[in-house]
Amino acid sequence: MTEKKVISRNKPCEAVLLLMQRMDSHPEEFALNSTSKWHSFLSVVKKRVVDGDKDALLILDDFEVEMVWNKFRVVGKHQLHSFVMKKILEGADEK
């Protein structure tokens, strides 16, 4: 007989934890464009968090979806910072 694992609502599932680790180790995969590796998945996350579509990612609890979205925003802000710094430095080189 197969034993069913009890799902805790207090901690994120293993898939969410894995995704969070992946965002830390490979942030380039979460680029702010439509060609990034995770774009289609993050579009569904956006539907749930930003657009309020409760039918998106039904398998995850609200707090898990928000964890992924917040982490994506952190990664995106780091990418934006790098982009802005690169542009500023390019301007400094032209003088």
PDB file of N, CA and C in Angstrom:
ATOM      1  N   MET A   1       0.840  -1.177   0.000  1.00  0.00           N
ATOM      2  CA  MET A   1       0.000   0.000   0.000  1.00  0.00           C
ATOM      3  C   MET A   1       0.891   1.248   0.000  1.00  0.00           C
ATOM      4  N   THR A   2       0.557   2.190  -0.846  1.00  0.00           N
ATOM      5  CA  THR A   2       1.340   3.418  -0.953  1.00  0.00           C
ATOM      6  C   THR A   2       0.919   4.389   0.135  1.00  0.00           C
ATOM      7  N   GLU A   3       1.914   4.970   0.777  1.00  0.00           N
ATOM      8  CA  GLU A   3       1.656   5.932   1.846  1.00  0.00           C
ATOM      9  C   GLU A   3       1.545   7.325   1.254  1.00  0.00           C
ATOM     10  N   LYS A   4       0.504   8.050   1.608  1.00  0.00           N
ATOM     11  CA  LYS A   4       0.332   9.415   1.119  1.00  0.00           C
ATOM     12  C   LYS A   4       1.059  10.381   2.038  1.00  0.00           C
ATOM     13  N   LYS A   5       1.746  11.326   1.438  1.00  0.00           N
ATOM     14  CA  LYS A   5       2.463  12.332   2.197  1.00  0.00           C
ATOM     15  C   LYS A   5       1.522  13.483   2.532  1.00  0.00           C
ATOM     16  N   VAL A   6       1.526  13.912   3.763  1.00  0.00           N
ATOM     17  CA  VAL A   6       0.693  15.022   4.186  1.00  0.00           C
ATOM     18  C   VAL A   6       1.329  16.322   3.721  1.00  0.00           C
ATOM     19  N   ILE A   7       0.530  17.169   3.092  1.00  0.00           N
ATOM     20  CA  ILE A   7       1.023  18.453   2.594  1.00  0.00           C
ATOM     21  C   ILE A   7       0.807  19.506   3.671  1.00  0.00           C
ATOM     22  N   SER A   8       1.885  20.162   4.035  1.00  0.00           N
ATOM     23  CA  SER A   8       1.803  21.205   5.044  1.00  0.00           C
ATOM     24  C   SER A   8       1.507  22.538   4.391  1.00  0.00           C
ATOM     25  N   ARG A   9       0.602  23.285   4.948  1.00  0.00           N
ATOM     26  CA  ARG A   9       0.297  24.618   4.436  1.00  0.00           C
ATOM     27  C   ARG A   9       1.229  25.659   5.046  1.00  0.00           C
ATOM     28  N   ASN A  10       2.131  25.227   5.894  1.00  0.00           N
ATOM     29  CA  ASN A  10       3.033  26.163   6.563  1.00  0.00           C
ATOM     30  C   ASN A  10       4.363  26.318   5.857  1.00  0.00           C
ATOM     31  N   LYS A  11       4.702  25.393   4.993  1.00  0.00           N
ATOM     32  CA  LYS A  11       5.964  25.512   4.271  1.00  0.00           C
ATOM     33  C   LYS A  11       5.733  25.185   2.804  1.00  0.00           C
ATOM     34  N   PRO A  12       6.538  25.782   1.930  1.00  0.00           N
ATOM     35  CA  PRO A  12       6.332  25.584   0.491  1.00  0.00           C
ATOM     36  C   PRO A  12       6.665  24.154   0.069  1.00  0.00           C
ATOM     37  N   CYS A  13       6.059  23.739  -1.017  1.00  0.00           N
ATOM     38  CA  CYS A  13       6.332  22.409  -1.561  1.00  0.00           C
ATOM     39  C   CYS A  13       7.753  22.360  -2.128  1.00  0.00           C
ATOM     40  N   GLU A  14       8.207  21.137  -2.375  1.00  0.00           N
ATOM     41  CA  GLU A  14       9.576  20.931  -2.872  1.00  0.00           C
ATOM     42  C   GLU A  14       9.804  21.627  -4.221  1.00  0.00           C
ATOM     43  N   ALA A  15       8.813  21.650  -5.076  1.00  0.00           N
ATOM     44  CA  ALA A  15       8.969  22.287  -6.389  1.00  0.00           C
ATOM     45  C   ALA A  15       9.236  23.780  -6.250  1.00  0.00           C
ATOM     46  N   VAL A  16       8.529  24.422  -5.349  1.00  0.00           N
ATOM     47  CA  VAL A  16       8.738  25.861  -5.127  1.00  0.00           C
ATOM     48  C   VAL A  16      10.134  26.096  -4.556  1.00  0.00           C
ATOM     49  N   LEU A  17      10.541  25.272  -3.617  1.00  0.00           N
ATOM     50  CA  LEU A  17      11.887  25.415  -3.039  1.00  0.00           C
ATOM     51  C   LEU A  17      12.962  25.223  -4.102  1.00  0.00           C
ATOM     52  N   LEU A  18      12.768  24.240  -4.973  1.00  0.00           N
ATOM     53  CA  LEU A  18      13.720  24.001  -6.069  1.00  0.00           C
ATOM     54  C   LEU A  18      13.790  25.198  -7.002  1.00  0.00           C
ATOM     55  N   LEU A  19      12.639  25.750  -7.334  1.00  0.00           N
ATOM     56  CA  LEU A  19      12.594  26.906  -8.218  1.00  0.00           C
ATOM     57  C   LEU A  19      13.290  28.112  -7.597  1.00  0.00           C
ATOM     58  N   MET A  20      13.090  28.314  -6.308  1.00  0.00           N
ATOM     59  CA  MET A  20      13.749  29.424  -5.616  1.00  0.00           C
ATOM     60  C   MET A  20      15.270  29.252  -5.664  1.00  0.00           C
ATOM     61  N   GLN A  21      15.740  28.027  -5.464  1.00  0.00           N
ATOM     62  CA  GLN A  21      17.177  27.760  -5.542  1.00  0.00           C
ATOM     63  C   GLN A  21      17.701  28.007  -6.953  1.00  0.00           C
ATOM     64  N   ARG A  22      16.898  27.620  -7.945  1.00  0.00           N
ATOM     65  CA  ARG A  22      17.300  27.829  -9.333  1.00  0.00           C
ATOM     66  C   ARG A  22      17.400  29.314  -9.659  1.00  0.00           C
ATOM     67  N   MET A  23      16.506  30.103  -9.111  1.00  0.00           N
ATOM     68  CA  MET A  23      16.558  31.551  -9.332  1.00  0.00           C
ATOM     69  C   MET A  23      17.835  32.145  -8.747  1.00  0.00           C
ATOM     70  N   ASP A  24      18.282  31.590  -7.634  1.00  0.00           N
ATOM     71  CA  ASP A  24      19.530  32.054  -7.034  1.00  0.00           C
ATOM     72  C   ASP A  24      20.742  31.625  -7.852  1.00  0.00           C
ATOM     73  N   SER A  25      20.746  30.380  -8.312  1.00  0.00           N
ATOM     74  CA  SER A  25      21.935  29.846  -8.979  1.00  0.00           C
ATOM     75  C   SER A  25      22.015  30.180 -10.470  1.00  0.00           C
ATOM     76  N   HIS A  26      20.879  30.429 -11.115  1.00  0.00           N
ATOM     77  CA  HIS A  26      20.849  30.712 -12.554  1.00  0.00           C
ATOM     78  C   HIS A  26      19.903  31.867 -12.869  1.00  0.00           C
ATOM     79  N   PRO A  27      20.168  33.042 -12.341  1.00  0.00           N
ATOM     80  CA  PRO A  27      19.241  34.167 -12.560  1.00  0.00           C
ATOM     81  C   PRO A  27      19.080  34.539 -14.030  1.00  0.00           C
ATOM     82  N   GLU A  28      20.080  34.231 -14.851  1.00  0.00           N
ATOM     83  CA  GLU A  28      19.986  34.572 -16.273  1.00  0.00           C
ATOM     84  C   GLU A  28      18.832  33.830 -16.961  1.00  0.00           C
ATOM     85  N   GLU A  29      18.399  32.705 -16.390  1.00  0.00           N
ATOM     86  CA  GLU A  29      17.274  31.963 -16.952  1.00  0.00           C
ATOM     87  C   GLU A  29      15.943  32.678 -16.717  1.00  0.00           C
ATOM     88  N   PHE A  30      15.954  33.680 -15.860  1.00  0.00           N
ATOM     89  CA  PHE A  30      14.739  34.405 -15.493  1.00  0.00           C
ATOM     90  C   PHE A  30      14.812  35.841 -16.001  1.00  0.00           C
ATOM     91  N   ALA A  31      15.349  35.987 -17.206  1.00  0.00           N
ATOM     92  CA  ALA A  31      15.502  37.310 -17.806  1.00  0.00           C
ATOM     93  C   ALA A  31      14.145  37.981 -17.978  1.00  0.00           C
ATOM     94  N   LEU A  32      14.182  39.291 -18.054  1.00  0.00           N
ATOM     95  CA  LEU A  32      12.961  40.082 -18.173  1.00  0.00           C
ATOM     96  C   LEU A  32      12.527  40.210 -19.632  1.00  0.00           C
ATOM     97  N   ASN A  33      12.372  39.072 -20.299  1.00  0.00           N
ATOM     98  CA  ASN A  33      11.920  39.104 -21.692  1.00  0.00           C
ATOM     99  C   ASN A  33      11.131  37.840 -22.018  1.00  0.00           C
ATOM    100  N   SER A  34      10.500  37.854 -23.174  1.00  0.00           N
ATOM    101  CA  SER A  34       9.618  36.747 -23.545  1.00  0.00           C
ATOM    102  C   SER A  34      10.365  35.522 -24.055  1.00  0.00           C
ATOM    103  N   THR A  35      11.677  35.611 -24.182  1.00  0.00           N
ATOM    104  CA  THR A  35      12.443  34.458 -24.654  1.00  0.00           C
ATOM    105  C   THR A  35      13.153  33.719 -23.525  1.00  0.00           C
ATOM    106  N   SER A  36      12.961  34.157 -22.298  1.00  0.00           N
ATOM    107  CA  SER A  36      13.635  33.491 -21.185  1.00  0.00           C
ATOM    108  C   SER A  36      13.077  32.082 -20.986  1.00  0.00           C
ATOM    109  N   LYS A  37      13.879  31.225 -20.428  1.00  0.00           N
ATOM    110  CA  LYS A  37      13.533  29.822 -20.230  1.00  0.00           C
ATOM    111  C   LYS A  37      12.239  29.635 -19.434  1.00  0.00           C
ATOM    112  N   TRP A  38      11.999  30.500 -18.470  1.00  0.00           N
ATOM    113  CA  TRP A  38      10.876  30.348 -17.547  1.00  0.00           C
ATOM    114  C   TRP A  38       9.723  31.305 -17.842  1.00  0.00           C
ATOM    115  N   HIS A  39       9.741  31.956 -18.994  1.00  0.00           N
ATOM    116  CA  HIS A  39       8.734  32.974 -19.305  1.00  0.00           C
ATOM    117  C   HIS A  39       7.300  32.443 -19.217  1.00  0.00           C
ATOM    118  N   SER A  40       7.035  31.297 -19.805  1.00  0.00           N
ATOM    119  CA  SER A  40       5.651  30.795 -19.825  1.00  0.00           C
ATOM    120  C   SER A  40       5.155  30.478 -18.419  1.00  0.00           C
ATOM    121  N   PHE A  41       6.014  29.902 -17.596  1.00  0.00           N
ATOM    122  CA  PHE A  41       5.621  29.610 -16.215  1.00  0.00           C
ATOM    123  C   PHE A  41       5.388  30.900 -15.433  1.00  0.00           C
ATOM    124  N   LEU A  42       6.299  31.852 -15.584  1.00  0.00           N
ATOM    125  CA  LEU A  42       6.161  33.111 -14.854  1.00  0.00           C
ATOM    126  C   LEU A  42       4.954  33.918 -15.328  1.00  0.00           C
ATOM    127  N   SER A  43       4.545  33.727 -16.572  1.00  0.00           N
ATOM    128  CA  SER A  43       3.330  34.383 -17.056  1.00  0.00           C
ATOM    129  C   SER A  43       2.100  33.877 -16.305  1.00  0.00           C
ATOM    130  N   VAL A  44       2.085  32.588 -15.999  1.00  0.00           N
ATOM    131  CA  VAL A  44       0.971  32.017 -15.237  1.00  0.00           C
ATOM    132  C   VAL A  44       1.016  32.515 -13.789  1.00  0.00           C
ATOM    133  N   VAL A  45       2.220  32.622 -13.230  1.00  0.00           N
ATOM    134  CA  VAL A  45       2.366  33.177 -11.883  1.00  0.00           C
ATOM    135  C   VAL A  45       1.838  34.605 -11.857  1.00  0.00           C
ATOM    136  N   LYS A  46       2.190  35.393 -12.880  1.00  0.00           N
ATOM    137  CA  LYS A  46       1.703  36.780 -12.973  1.00  0.00           C
ATOM    138  C   LYS A  46       0.176  36.819 -13.036  1.00  0.00           C
ATOM    139  N   LYS A  47      -0.407  35.909 -13.807  1.00  0.00           N
ATOM    140  CA  LYS A  47      -1.872  35.860 -13.896  1.00  0.00           C
ATOM    141  C   LYS A  47      -2.495  35.687 -12.515  1.00  0.00           C
ATOM    142  N   ARG A  48      -1.870  34.859 -11.716  1.00  0.00           N
ATOM    143  CA  ARG A  48      -2.415  34.573 -10.378  1.00  0.00           C
ATOM    144  C   ARG A  48      -2.204  35.750  -9.433  1.00  0.00           C
ATOM    145  N   VAL A  49      -0.987  36.291  -9.411  1.00  0.00           N
ATOM    146  CA  VAL A  49      -0.653  37.330  -8.427  1.00  0.00           C
ATOM    147  C   VAL A  49      -1.140  38.713  -8.853  1.00  0.00           C
ATOM    148  N   VAL A  50      -0.818  39.113 -10.042  1.00  0.00           N
ATOM    149  CA  VAL A  50      -1.107  40.472 -10.489  1.00  0.00           C
ATOM    150  C   VAL A  50      -2.534  40.601 -11.020  1.00  0.00           C
ATOM    151  N   ASP A  51      -2.941  39.642 -11.848  1.00  0.00           N
ATOM    152  CA  ASP A  51      -4.254  39.721 -12.479  1.00  0.00           C
ATOM    153  C   ASP A  51      -5.374  39.136 -11.611  1.00  0.00           C
ATOM    154  N   GLY A  52      -4.991  38.436 -10.537  1.00  0.00           N
ATOM    155  CA  GLY A  52      -5.991  37.880  -9.626  1.00  0.00           C
ATOM    156  C   GLY A  52      -6.742  36.669 -10.170  1.00  0.00           C
ATOM    157  N   ASP A  53      -6.153  35.975 -11.134  1.00  0.00           N
ATOM    158  CA  ASP A  53      -6.781  34.790 -11.723  1.00  0.00           C
ATOM    159  C   ASP A  53      -6.586  33.588 -10.804  1.00  0.00           C
ATOM    160  N   LYS A  54      -7.589  33.282 -10.008  1.00  0.00           N
ATOM    161  CA  LYS A  54      -7.494  32.189  -9.026  1.00  0.00           C
ATOM    162  C   LYS A  54      -7.448  30.811  -9.685  1.00  0.00           C
ATOM    163  N   ASP A  55      -7.743  30.727 -10.994  1.00  0.00           N
ATOM    164  CA  ASP A  55      -7.689  29.444 -11.695  1.00  0.00           C
ATOM    165  C   ASP A  55      -6.268  29.100 -12.150  1.00  0.00           C
ATOM    166  N   ALA A  56      -5.363  30.059 -12.093  1.00  0.00           N
ATOM    167  CA  ALA A  56      -3.978  29.830 -12.505  1.00  0.00           C
ATOM    168  C   ALA A  56      -3.206  29.159 -11.375  1.00  0.00           C
ATOM    169  N   LEU A  57      -2.509  28.102 -11.693  1.00  0.00           N
ATOM    170  CA  LEU A  57      -1.687  27.359 -10.723  1.00  0.00           C
ATOM    171  C   LEU A  57      -2.483  26.925  -9.483  1.00  0.00           C
ATOM    172  N   LEU A  58      -3.571  26.284  -9.713  1.00  0.00           N
ATOM    173  CA  LEU A  58      -4.427  25.830  -8.612  1.00  0.00           C
ATOM    174  C   LEU A  58      -3.707  24.899  -7.641  1.00  0.00           C
ATOM    175  N   ILE A  59      -2.702  24.223  -8.121  1.00  0.00           N
ATOM    176  CA  ILE A  59      -1.999  23.248  -7.293  1.00  0.00           C
ATOM    177  C   ILE A  59      -1.182  23.904  -6.174  1.00  0.00           C
ATOM    178  N   LEU A  60      -0.878  25.187  -6.332  1.00  0.00           N
ATOM    179  CA  LEU A  60      -0.081  25.898  -5.327  1.00  0.00           C
ATOM    180  C   LEU A  60      -0.964  26.775  -4.451  1.00  0.00           C
ATOM    181  N   ASP A  61      -0.564  26.892  -3.193  1.00  0.00           N
ATOM    182  CA  ASP A  61      -1.237  27.816  -2.276  1.00  0.00           C
ATOM    183  C   ASP A  61      -0.823  29.244  -2.616  1.00  0.00           C
ATOM    184  N   ASP A  62      -1.629  30.196  -2.173  1.00  0.00           N
ATOM    185  CA  ASP A  62      -1.339  31.609  -2.449  1.00  0.00           C
ATOM    186  C   ASP A  62       0.061  32.008  -1.995  1.00  0.00           C
ATOM    187  N   PHE A  63       0.454  31.584  -0.797  1.00  0.00           N
ATOM    188  CA  PHE A  63       1.757  32.007  -0.281  1.00  0.00           C
ATOM    189  C   PHE A  63       2.899  31.455  -1.124  1.00  0.00           C
ATOM    190  N   GLU A  64       2.713  30.270  -1.723  1.00  0.00           N
ATOM    191  CA  GLU A  64       3.763  29.697  -2.572  1.00  0.00           C
ATOM    192  C   GLU A  64       3.901  30.488  -3.871  1.00  0.00           C
ATOM    193  N   VAL A  65       2.775  30.854  -4.466  1.00  0.00           N
ATOM    194  CA  VAL A  65       2.802  31.645  -5.697  1.00  0.00           C
ATOM    195  C   VAL A  65       3.419  33.013  -5.421  1.00  0.00           C
ATOM    196  N   GLU A  66       3.071  33.605  -4.300  1.00  0.00           N
ATOM    197  CA  GLU A  66       3.640  34.909  -3.937  1.00  0.00           C
ATOM    198  C   GLU A  66       5.143  34.812  -3.675  1.00  0.00           C
ATOM    199  N   MET A  67       5.584  33.696  -3.103  1.00  0.00           N
ATOM    200  CA  MET A  67       7.030  33.496  -2.899  1.00  0.00           C
ATOM    201  C   MET A  67       7.763  33.514  -4.235  1.00  0.00           C
ATOM    202  N   VAL A  68       7.236  32.790  -5.209  1.00  0.00           N
ATOM    203  CA  VAL A  68       7.863  32.732  -6.538  1.00  0.00           C
ATOM    204  C   VAL A  68       7.858  34.118  -7.181  1.00  0.00           C
ATOM    205  N   TRP A  69       6.733  34.808  -7.115  1.00  0.00           N
ATOM    206  CA  TRP A  69       6.623  36.143  -7.718  1.00  0.00           C
ATOM    207  C   TRP A  69       7.587  37.126  -7.057  1.00  0.00           C
ATOM    208  N   ASN A  70       7.640  37.118  -5.749  1.00  0.00           N
ATOM    209  CA  ASN A  70       8.546  38.033  -5.035  1.00  0.00           C
ATOM    210  C   ASN A  70       9.999  37.744  -5.354  1.00  0.00           C
ATOM    211  N   LYS A  71      10.347  36.473  -5.453  1.00  0.00           N
ATOM    212  CA  LYS A  71      11.725  36.110  -5.798  1.00  0.00           C
ATOM    213  C   LYS A  71      12.047  36.556  -7.230  1.00  0.00           C
ATOM    214  N   PHE A  72      11.095  36.380  -8.137  1.00  0.00           N
ATOM    215  CA  PHE A  72      11.280  36.830  -9.520  1.00  0.00           C
ATOM    216  C   PHE A  72      11.516  38.337  -9.565  1.00  0.00           C
ATOM    217  N   ARG A  73      10.781  39.076  -8.759  1.00  0.00           N
ATOM    218  CA  ARG A  73      10.957  40.528  -8.715  1.00  0.00           C
ATOM    219  C   ARG A  73      12.347  40.895  -8.181  1.00  0.00           C
ATOM    220  N   VAL A  74      12.831  40.181  -7.189  1.00  0.00           N
ATOM    221  CA  VAL A  74      14.176  40.433  -6.654  1.00  0.00           C
ATOM    222  C   VAL A  74      15.218  40.178  -7.743  1.00  0.00           C
ATOM    223  N   VAL A  75      15.089  39.048  -8.429  1.00  0.00           N
ATOM    224  CA  VAL A  75      16.019  38.718  -9.513  1.00  0.00           C
ATOM    225  C   VAL A  75      15.947  39.789 -10.602  1.00  0.00           C
ATOM    226  N   GLY A  76      14.740  40.201 -10.952  1.00  0.00           N
ATOM    227  CA  GLY A  76      14.561  41.229 -11.977  1.00  0.00           C
ATOM    228  C   GLY A  76      15.173  42.559 -11.583  1.00  0.00           C
ATOM    229  N   LYS A  77      15.046  42.921 -10.323  1.00  0.00           N
ATOM    230  CA  LYS A  77      15.638  44.186  -9.860  1.00  0.00           C
ATOM    231  C   LYS A  77      17.159  44.133  -9.917  1.00  0.00           C
ATOM    232  N   HIS A  78      17.726  42.978  -9.635  1.00  0.00           N
ATOM    233  CA  HIS A  78      19.191  42.840  -9.756  1.00  0.00           C
ATOM    234  C   HIS A  78      19.610  42.970 -11.218  1.00  0.00           C
ATOM    235  N   GLN A  79      18.826  42.378 -12.111  1.00  0.00           N
ATOM    236  CA  GLN A  79      19.123  42.486 -13.541  1.00  0.00           C
ATOM    237  C   GLN A  79      19.001  43.932 -14.018  1.00  0.00           C
ATOM    238  N   LEU A  80      17.976  44.604 -13.554  1.00  0.00           N
ATOM    239  CA  LEU A  80      17.790  46.013 -13.918  1.00  0.00           C
ATOM    240  C   LEU A  80      18.945  46.860 -13.399  1.00  0.00           C
ATOM    241  N   HIS A  81      19.367  46.617 -12.189  1.00  0.00           N
ATOM    242  CA  HIS A  81      20.499  47.343 -11.611  1.00  0.00           C
ATOM    243  C   HIS A  81      21.750  47.146 -12.472  1.00  0.00           C
ATOM    244  N   SER A  82      22.018  45.892 -12.845  1.00  0.00           N
ATOM    245  CA  SER A  82      23.188  45.606 -13.682  1.00  0.00           C
ATOM    246  C   SER A  82      23.089  46.316 -15.026  1.00  0.00           C
ATOM    247  N   PHE A  83      21.903  46.313 -15.617  1.00  0.00           N
ATOM    248  CA  PHE A  83      21.684  46.984 -16.901  1.00  0.00           C
ATOM    249  C   PHE A  83      21.945  48.483 -16.791  1.00  0.00           C
ATOM    250  N   VAL A  84      21.394  49.105 -15.751  1.00  0.00           N
ATOM    251  CA  VAL A  84      21.560  50.549 -15.558  1.00  0.00           C
ATOM    252  C   VAL A  84      23.028  50.890 -15.315  1.00  0.00           C
ATOM    253  N   MET A  85      23.693  50.114 -14.478  1.00  0.00           N
ATOM    254  CA  MET A  85      25.119  50.369 -14.206  1.00  0.00           C
ATOM    255  C   MET A  85      25.948  50.227 -15.480  1.00  0.00           C
ATOM    256  N   LYS A  86      25.629  49.225 -16.299  1.00  0.00           N
ATOM    257  CA  LYS A  86      26.354  49.032 -17.561  1.00  0.00           C
ATOM    258  C   LYS A  86      26.172  50.248 -18.466  1.00  0.00           C
ATOM    259  N   LYS A  87      24.954  50.749 -18.567  1.00  0.00           N
ATOM    260  CA  LYS A  87      24.680  51.910 -19.412  1.00  0.00           C
ATOM    261  C   LYS A  87      25.387  53.156 -18.874  1.00  0.00           C
ATOM    262  N   ILE A  88      25.407  53.323 -17.587  1.00  0.00           N
ATOM    263  CA  ILE A  88      26.099  54.470 -16.983  1.00  0.00           C
ATOM    264  C   ILE A  88      27.584  54.397 -17.275  1.00  0.00           C
ATOM    265  N   LEU A  89      28.158  53.220 -17.109  1.00  0.00           N
ATOM    266  CA  LEU A  89      29.595  53.046 -17.356  1.00  0.00           C
ATOM    267  C   LEU A  89      29.927  53.225 -18.835  1.00  0.00           C
ATOM    268  N   GLU A  90      29.048  52.782 -19.720  1.00  0.00           N
ATOM    269  CA  GLU A  90      29.268  52.996 -21.148  1.00  0.00           C
ATOM    270  C   GLU A  90      29.308  54.484 -21.464  1.00  0.00           C
ATOM    271  N   GLY A  91      28.440  55.242 -20.829  1.00  0.00           N
ATOM    272  CA  GLY A  91      28.427  56.692 -21.006  1.00  0.00           C
ATOM    273  C   GLY A  91      29.691  57.333 -20.496  1.00  0.00           C
ATOM    274  N   ALA A  92      30.239  56.824 -19.376  1.00  0.00           N
ATOM    275  CA  ALA A  92      31.460  57.366 -18.806  1.00  0.00           C
ATOM    276  C   ALA A  92      32.658  57.090 -19.722  1.00  0.00           C
ATOM    277  N   ASP A  93      32.637  55.943 -20.411  1.00  0.00           N
ATOM    278  CA  ASP A  93      33.722  55.586 -21.317  1.00  0.00           C
ATOM    279  C   ASP A  93      33.754  56.472 -22.562  1.00  0.00           C
ATOM    280  N   GLU A  94      32.613  57.026 -22.930  1.00  0.00           N
ATOM    281  CA  GLU A  94      32.517  57.837 -24.145  1.00  0.00           C
ATOM    282  C   GLU A  94      33.103  59.224 -23.960  1.00  0.00           C
ATOM    283  N   LYS A  95      33.294  59.657 -22.737  1.00  0.00           N
ATOM    284  CA  LYS A  95      33.789  61.028 -22.475  1.00  0.00           C
ATOM    285  C   LYS A  95      35.262  61.145 -22.709  1.00  0.00           C
TER     286      LYS A  95
END
